[in-house]
Amino acid sequence: MLRVLLYLLSIVTANVVTAAFMPLQFGMFIIPMGTLLIGGTFIFRDLVQNKFGRARTYLCIILALLLSASVSFLIGDTLLIVFASALSFVVAETADTEIYTRLKLPLSWRVFYSGVVGGFFDSAIFVVIGLSPLGANILPWSSVPAAIVGQIIVKTVIQSMGAILLGKIHVRLDKRINNGGNALDG
């Protein structure tokens, strides 16, 4: 249950942090502060799926969607931003779930690949539908590519760190199992 709680908490925290703090700007890249947490949400979602299976993961995604949209609305996001956030969330989480399900690779690689694709969809859809002149008109079209790429870079870095950490944890667990329960051997 801790995995589910971390998943839900990371999503709500990302929304609150994004609303509370100005985006970071690195050269031409625009990165909302919550982006630092979004990469982690994909990792937590994968861990939920790894423990509870695909069907229950979709129930968690629905719960997270409702919670995320409610929190976004309550902290003052416009309905257009709430809609863009919900749409990008559904597409990204579905892509992550389906890719994670189909890959026949070690956990760390499934987490990395599914999260990178999910992060791409999350970034592109939210920026175009929510922030561009097509949406809330917060960013001019000239800034849209930099906003998308900046978020993708950060989410990919977070996914990489999470995948590396999960890979190391799995190696330690395998050693513990293979050495009769003592993970410190070797």
C-alpha atoms as a PDB file:
ATOM      1  CA  MET A   1       0.000   0.000   0.000  1.00  0.00           C
ATOM      2  CA  LEU A   2       2.998   2.290   0.546  1.00  0.00           C
ATOM      3  CA  ARG A   3       3.636   2.253  -3.210  1.00  0.00           C
ATOM      4  CA  VAL A   4       0.120   3.484  -3.931  1.00  0.00           C
ATOM      5  CA  LEU A   5       0.415   6.195  -1.294  1.00  0.00           C
ATOM      6  CA  LEU A   6       3.765   7.381  -2.702  1.00  0.00           C
ATOM      7  CA  TYR A   7       2.296   7.400  -6.216  1.00  0.00           C
ATOM      8  CA  LEU A   8      -0.708   9.501  -5.182  1.00  0.00           C
ATOM      9  CA  LEU A   9       1.348  11.793  -2.967  1.00  0.00           C
ATOM     10  CA  SER A  10       3.908  12.443  -5.711  1.00  0.00           C
ATOM     11  CA  ILE A  11       1.170  13.493  -8.134  1.00  0.00           C
ATOM     12  CA  VAL A  12      -0.522  15.845  -5.686  1.00  0.00           C
ATOM     13  CA  THR A  13       2.826  17.293  -4.604  1.00  0.00           C
ATOM     14  CA  ALA A  14       3.838  17.884  -8.238  1.00  0.00           C
ATOM     15  CA  ASN A  15       0.626  19.853  -8.832  1.00  0.00           C
ATOM     16  CA  VAL A  16       1.059  21.961  -5.711  1.00  0.00           C
ATOM     17  CA  VAL A  17       4.755  22.641  -6.381  1.00  0.00           C
ATOM     18  CA  THR A  18       4.034  23.592  -9.997  1.00  0.00           C
ATOM     19  CA  ALA A  19       1.380  26.090  -8.870  1.00  0.00           C
ATOM     20  CA  ALA A  20       3.411  27.475  -5.953  1.00  0.00           C
ATOM     21  CA  PHE A  21       6.771  28.138  -7.610  1.00  0.00           C
ATOM     22  CA  MET A  22       7.864  29.936 -10.744  1.00  0.00           C
ATOM     23  CA  PRO A  23       9.313  27.698 -13.457  1.00  0.00           C
ATOM     24  CA  LEU A  24      13.063  27.301 -13.716  1.00  0.00           C
ATOM     25  CA  GLN A  25      14.676  28.685 -16.828  1.00  0.00           C
ATOM     26  CA  PHE A  26      17.903  27.149 -18.108  1.00  0.00           C
ATOM     27  CA  GLY A  27      18.839  29.037 -21.229  1.00  0.00           C
ATOM     28  CA  MET A  28      15.922  28.535 -23.560  1.00  0.00           C
ATOM     29  CA  PHE A  29      14.396  25.679 -21.526  1.00  0.00           C
ATOM     30  CA  ILE A  30      11.401  26.347 -19.284  1.00  0.00           C
ATOM     31  CA  ILE A  31      10.871  23.762 -16.547  1.00  0.00           C
ATOM     32  CA  PRO A  32       8.011  23.932 -14.049  1.00  0.00           C
ATOM     33  CA  MET A  33       9.216  22.963 -10.572  1.00  0.00           C
ATOM     34  CA  GLY A  34       6.718  20.080 -10.411  1.00  0.00           C
ATOM     35  CA  THR A  35       8.492  18.464 -13.360  1.00  0.00           C
ATOM     36  CA  LEU A  36      11.175  17.349 -10.919  1.00  0.00           C
ATOM     37  CA  LEU A  37       8.515  15.181  -9.262  1.00  0.00           C
ATOM     38  CA  ILE A  38       6.648  13.991 -12.360  1.00  0.00           C
ATOM     39  CA  GLY A  39       9.505  11.699 -13.395  1.00  0.00           C
ATOM     40  CA  GLY A  40       9.125  10.071 -10.000  1.00  0.00           C
ATOM     41  CA  THR A  41       5.398   9.539 -10.459  1.00  0.00           C
ATOM     42  CA  PHE A  42       6.083   7.281 -13.429  1.00  0.00           C
ATOM     43  CA  ILE A  43       8.527   5.262 -11.332  1.00  0.00           C
ATOM     44  CA  PHE A  44       6.009   4.917  -8.491  1.00  0.00           C
ATOM     45  CA  ARG A  45       3.297   3.925 -10.988  1.00  0.00           C
ATOM     46  CA  ASP A  46       5.544   1.192 -12.340  1.00  0.00           C
ATOM     47  CA  LEU A  47       6.215  -0.058  -8.821  1.00  0.00           C
ATOM     48  CA  VAL A  48       2.465  -0.123  -8.159  1.00  0.00           C
ATOM     49  CA  GLN A  49       1.971  -2.159 -11.322  1.00  0.00           C
ATOM     50  CA  ASN A  50       4.838  -4.469 -10.442  1.00  0.00           C
ATOM     51  CA  LYS A  51       3.226  -5.235  -7.075  1.00  0.00           C
ATOM     52  CA  PHE A  52      -0.522  -5.135  -7.843  1.00  0.00           C
ATOM     53  CA  GLY A  53      -0.821  -5.852 -11.576  1.00  0.00           C
ATOM     54  CA  ARG A  54      -2.167  -3.945 -14.525  1.00  0.00           C
ATOM     55  CA  ALA A  55      -5.889  -3.932 -13.666  1.00  0.00           C
ATOM     56  CA  ARG A  56      -5.380  -2.555 -10.168  1.00  0.00           C
ATOM     57  CA  THR A  57      -2.898  -0.042 -11.531  1.00  0.00           C
ATOM     58  CA  TYR A  58      -5.628   1.381 -13.752  1.00  0.00           C
ATOM     59  CA  LEU A  59      -7.815   1.790 -10.659  1.00  0.00           C
ATOM     60  CA  CYS A  60      -4.958   3.703  -9.037  1.00  0.00           C
ATOM     61  CA  ILE A  61      -4.583   5.846 -12.165  1.00  0.00           C
ATOM     62  CA  ILE A  62      -8.295   6.734 -12.041  1.00  0.00           C
ATOM     63  CA  LEU A  63      -8.007   7.618  -8.353  1.00  0.00           C
ATOM     64  CA  ALA A  64      -4.879   9.671  -9.064  1.00  0.00           C
ATOM     65  CA  LEU A  65      -6.619  11.458 -11.937  1.00  0.00           C
ATOM     66  CA  LEU A  66      -9.562  12.444  -9.746  1.00  0.00           C
ATOM     67  CA  LEU A  67      -7.275  13.511  -6.924  1.00  0.00           C
ATOM     68  CA  SER A  68      -4.967  15.446  -9.246  1.00  0.00           C
ATOM     69  CA  ALA A  69      -7.803  17.278 -10.999  1.00  0.00           C
ATOM     70  CA  SER A  70      -9.452  18.135  -7.688  1.00  0.00           C
ATOM     71  CA  VAL A  71      -6.247  19.481  -6.176  1.00  0.00           C
ATOM     72  CA  SER A  72      -5.444  21.481  -9.335  1.00  0.00           C
ATOM     73  CA  PHE A  73      -8.884  23.061  -9.288  1.00  0.00           C
ATOM     74  CA  LEU A  74      -8.738  23.748  -5.531  1.00  0.00           C
ATOM     75  CA  ILE A  75      -5.373  25.514  -5.781  1.00  0.00           C
ATOM     76  CA  GLY A  76      -6.787  27.845  -8.404  1.00  0.00           C
ATOM     77  CA  ASP A  77      -5.847  26.375 -11.769  1.00  0.00           C
ATOM     78  CA  THR A  78      -8.241  27.335 -14.535  1.00  0.00           C
ATOM     79  CA  LEU A  79     -10.548  24.681 -15.959  1.00  0.00           C
ATOM     80  CA  LEU A  80      -8.464  24.679 -19.144  1.00  0.00           C
ATOM     81  CA  ILE A  81      -5.279  23.937 -17.182  1.00  0.00           C
ATOM     82  CA  VAL A  82      -7.100  21.256 -15.153  1.00  0.00           C
ATOM     83  CA  PHE A  83      -8.369  19.702 -18.418  1.00  0.00           C
ATOM     84  CA  ALA A  84      -4.908  19.831 -20.045  1.00  0.00           C
ATOM     85  CA  SER A  85      -3.355  18.300 -16.950  1.00  0.00           C
ATOM     86  CA  ALA A  86      -5.987  15.538 -16.818  1.00  0.00           C
ATOM     87  CA  LEU A  87      -5.670  14.757 -20.535  1.00  0.00           C
ATOM     88  CA  SER A  88      -1.876  14.647 -20.470  1.00  0.00           C
ATOM     89  CA  PHE A  89      -2.029  12.534 -17.311  1.00  0.00           C
ATOM     90  CA  VAL A  90      -4.398   9.939 -18.801  1.00  0.00           C
ATOM     91  CA  VAL A  91      -2.431   9.608 -22.040  1.00  0.00           C
ATOM     92  CA  ALA A  92       0.973   9.515 -20.311  1.00  0.00           C
ATOM     93  CA  GLU A  93      -0.053   7.062 -17.590  1.00  0.00           C
ATOM     94  CA  THR A  94      -1.771   4.785 -20.115  1.00  0.00           C
ATOM     95  CA  ALA A  95       1.292   4.813 -22.374  1.00  0.00           C
ATOM     96  CA  ASP A  96       3.559   4.109 -19.401  1.00  0.00           C
ATOM     97  CA  THR A  97       1.333   1.264 -18.201  1.00  0.00           C
ATOM     98  CA  GLU A  98       0.999  -0.405 -21.590  1.00  0.00           C
ATOM     99  CA  ILE A  99       4.684  -0.144 -22.461  1.00  0.00           C
ATOM    100  CA  TYR A 100       5.713  -1.392 -19.025  1.00  0.00           C
ATOM    101  CA  THR A 101       3.316  -4.332 -19.437  1.00  0.00           C
ATOM    102  CA  ARG A 102       4.629  -5.385 -22.831  1.00  0.00           C
ATOM    103  CA  LEU A 103       8.377  -5.036 -22.347  1.00  0.00           C
ATOM    104  CA  LYS A 104      10.136  -8.262 -21.454  1.00  0.00           C
ATOM    105  CA  LEU A 105      13.171  -6.629 -19.902  1.00  0.00           C
ATOM    106  CA  PRO A 106      14.541  -6.274 -16.381  1.00  0.00           C
ATOM    107  CA  LEU A 107      12.538  -3.963 -14.100  1.00  0.00           C
ATOM    108  CA  SER A 108      14.963  -1.050 -14.379  1.00  0.00           C
ATOM    109  CA  TRP A 109      14.802  -0.997 -18.190  1.00  0.00           C
ATOM    110  CA  ARG A 110      10.990  -1.273 -18.228  1.00  0.00           C
ATOM    111  CA  VAL A 111      10.802   1.635 -15.769  1.00  0.00           C
ATOM    112  CA  PHE A 112      13.179   3.700 -17.897  1.00  0.00           C
ATOM    113  CA  TYR A 113      11.617   3.073 -21.320  1.00  0.00           C
ATOM    114  CA  SER A 114       7.993   3.312 -20.227  1.00  0.00           C
ATOM    115  CA  GLY A 115       8.708   6.466 -18.218  1.00  0.00           C
ATOM    116  CA  VAL A 116      10.519   8.195 -21.063  1.00  0.00           C
ATOM    117  CA  VAL A 117       7.555   7.636 -23.391  1.00  0.00           C
ATOM    118  CA  GLY A 118       5.074   8.642 -20.677  1.00  0.00           C
ATOM    119  CA  GLY A 119       7.128  11.750 -19.945  1.00  0.00           C
ATOM    120  CA  PHE A 120       7.178  12.703 -23.617  1.00  0.00           C
ATOM    121  CA  PHE A 121       3.390  12.489 -23.892  1.00  0.00           C
ATOM    122  CA  ASP A 122       2.861  14.275 -20.577  1.00  0.00           C
ATOM    123  CA  SER A 123       5.133  17.153 -21.590  1.00  0.00           C
ATOM    124  CA  ALA A 124       3.928  17.588 -25.161  1.00  0.00           C
ATOM    125  CA  ILE A 125       0.208  17.358 -24.437  1.00  0.00           C
ATOM    126  CA  PHE A 126       0.239  19.575 -21.353  1.00  0.00           C
ATOM    127  CA  VAL A 127       2.342  22.314 -22.930  1.00  0.00           C
ATOM    128  CA  VAL A 128       0.382  22.376 -26.206  1.00  0.00           C
ATOM    129  CA  ILE A 129      -3.135  22.015 -24.754  1.00  0.00           C
ATOM    130  CA  GLY A 130      -2.571  23.872 -21.486  1.00  0.00           C
ATOM    131  CA  LEU A 131       0.087  26.522 -21.975  1.00  0.00           C
ATOM    132  CA  SER A 132       0.347  27.401 -25.671  1.00  0.00           C
ATOM    133  CA  PRO A 133      -1.816  29.950 -27.516  1.00  0.00           C
ATOM    134  CA  LEU A 134      -4.061  26.986 -28.364  1.00  0.00           C
ATOM    135  CA  GLY A 135      -4.806  26.682 -24.636  1.00  0.00           C
ATOM    136  CA  ALA A 136      -4.376  29.220 -21.844  1.00  0.00           C
ATOM    137  CA  ASN A 137      -1.967  31.339 -23.928  1.00  0.00           C
ATOM    138  CA  ILE A 138       0.651  31.417 -21.164  1.00  0.00           C
ATOM    139  CA  LEU A 139       3.506  30.646 -23.558  1.00  0.00           C
ATOM    140  CA  PRO A 140       3.965  32.039 -27.063  1.00  0.00           C
ATOM    141  CA  TRP A 141       4.408  29.478 -29.838  1.00  0.00           C
ATOM    142  CA  SER A 142       8.107  30.369 -30.000  1.00  0.00           C
ATOM    143  CA  SER A 143       8.560  29.099 -26.402  1.00  0.00           C
ATOM    144  CA  VAL A 144       6.531  25.899 -26.770  1.00  0.00           C
ATOM    145  CA  PRO A 145       9.328  23.658 -28.166  1.00  0.00           C
ATOM    146  CA  ALA A 146      11.751  24.773 -25.428  1.00  0.00           C
ATOM    147  CA  ALA A 147       9.137  24.129 -22.736  1.00  0.00           C
ATOM    148  CA  ILE A 148       8.432  20.640 -24.078  1.00  0.00           C
ATOM    149  CA  VAL A 149      12.092  19.702 -24.550  1.00  0.00           C
ATOM    150  CA  GLY A 150      13.095  21.112 -21.154  1.00  0.00           C
ATOM    151  CA  GLN A 151      10.475  19.004 -19.397  1.00  0.00           C
ATOM    152  CA  ILE A 152      11.396  15.899 -21.384  1.00  0.00           C
ATOM    153  CA  ILE A 153      15.071  16.315 -20.475  1.00  0.00           C
ATOM    154  CA  VAL A 154      14.326  16.647 -16.757  1.00  0.00           C
ATOM    155  CA  LYS A 155      11.857  13.738 -16.739  1.00  0.00           C
ATOM    156  CA  THR A 156      14.349  11.561 -18.625  1.00  0.00           C
ATOM    157  CA  VAL A 157      17.110  12.380 -16.127  1.00  0.00           C
ATOM    158  CA  ILE A 158      14.765  11.506 -13.227  1.00  0.00           C
ATOM    159  CA  GLN A 159      13.743   8.269 -14.992  1.00  0.00           C
ATOM    160  CA  SER A 160      17.414   7.406 -15.524  1.00  0.00           C
ATOM    161  CA  MET A 161      18.259   7.960 -11.867  1.00  0.00           C
ATOM    162  CA  GLY A 162      15.239   5.909 -10.792  1.00  0.00           C
ATOM    163  CA  ALA A 163      16.090   3.079 -13.186  1.00  0.00           C
ATOM    164  CA  ILE A 164      19.703   2.985 -11.988  1.00  0.00           C
ATOM    165  CA  LEU A 165      18.572   2.943  -8.352  1.00  0.00           C
ATOM    166  CA  LEU A 166      16.027   0.190  -9.008  1.00  0.00           C
ATOM    167  CA  GLY A 167      18.660  -1.813 -10.879  1.00  0.00           C
ATOM    168  CA  LYS A 168      21.032  -1.592  -7.899  1.00  0.00           C
ATOM    169  CA  ILE A 169      18.262  -2.545  -5.474  1.00  0.00           C
ATOM    170  CA  HIS A 170      17.392  -5.585  -7.597  1.00  0.00           C
ATOM    171  CA  VAL A 171      21.021  -6.688  -7.698  1.00  0.00           C
ATOM    172  CA  ARG A 172      21.207  -6.470  -3.882  1.00  0.00           C
ATOM    173  CA  LEU A 173      17.942  -8.393  -3.495  1.00  0.00           C
ATOM    174  CA  ASP A 174      19.172 -11.069  -5.908  1.00  0.00           C
ATOM    175  CA  LYS A 175      22.398 -11.377  -3.904  1.00  0.00           C
ATOM    176  CA  ARG A 176      20.398 -11.672  -0.685  1.00  0.00           C
ATOM    177  CA  ILE A 177      18.266 -14.452  -2.148  1.00  0.00           C
ATOM    178  CA  ASN A 178      21.241 -16.256  -3.698  1.00  0.00           C
ATOM    179  CA  ASN A 179      23.327 -15.981  -0.517  1.00  0.00           C
ATOM    180  CA  GLY A 180      20.722 -17.367   1.838  1.00  0.00           C
ATOM    181  CA  GLY A 181      19.292 -14.086   3.073  1.00  0.00           C
ATOM    182  CA  ASN A 182      22.436 -12.032   3.715  1.00  0.00           C
ATOM    183  CA  ALA A 183      22.514  -9.079   1.281  1.00  0.00           C
ATOM    184  CA  LEU A 184      25.892  -7.894   2.559  1.00  0.00           C
ATOM    185  CA  ASP A 185      27.830 -10.896   1.280  1.00  0.00           C
ATOM    186  CA  GLY A 186      29.821 -10.575  -1.890  1.00  0.00           C
END
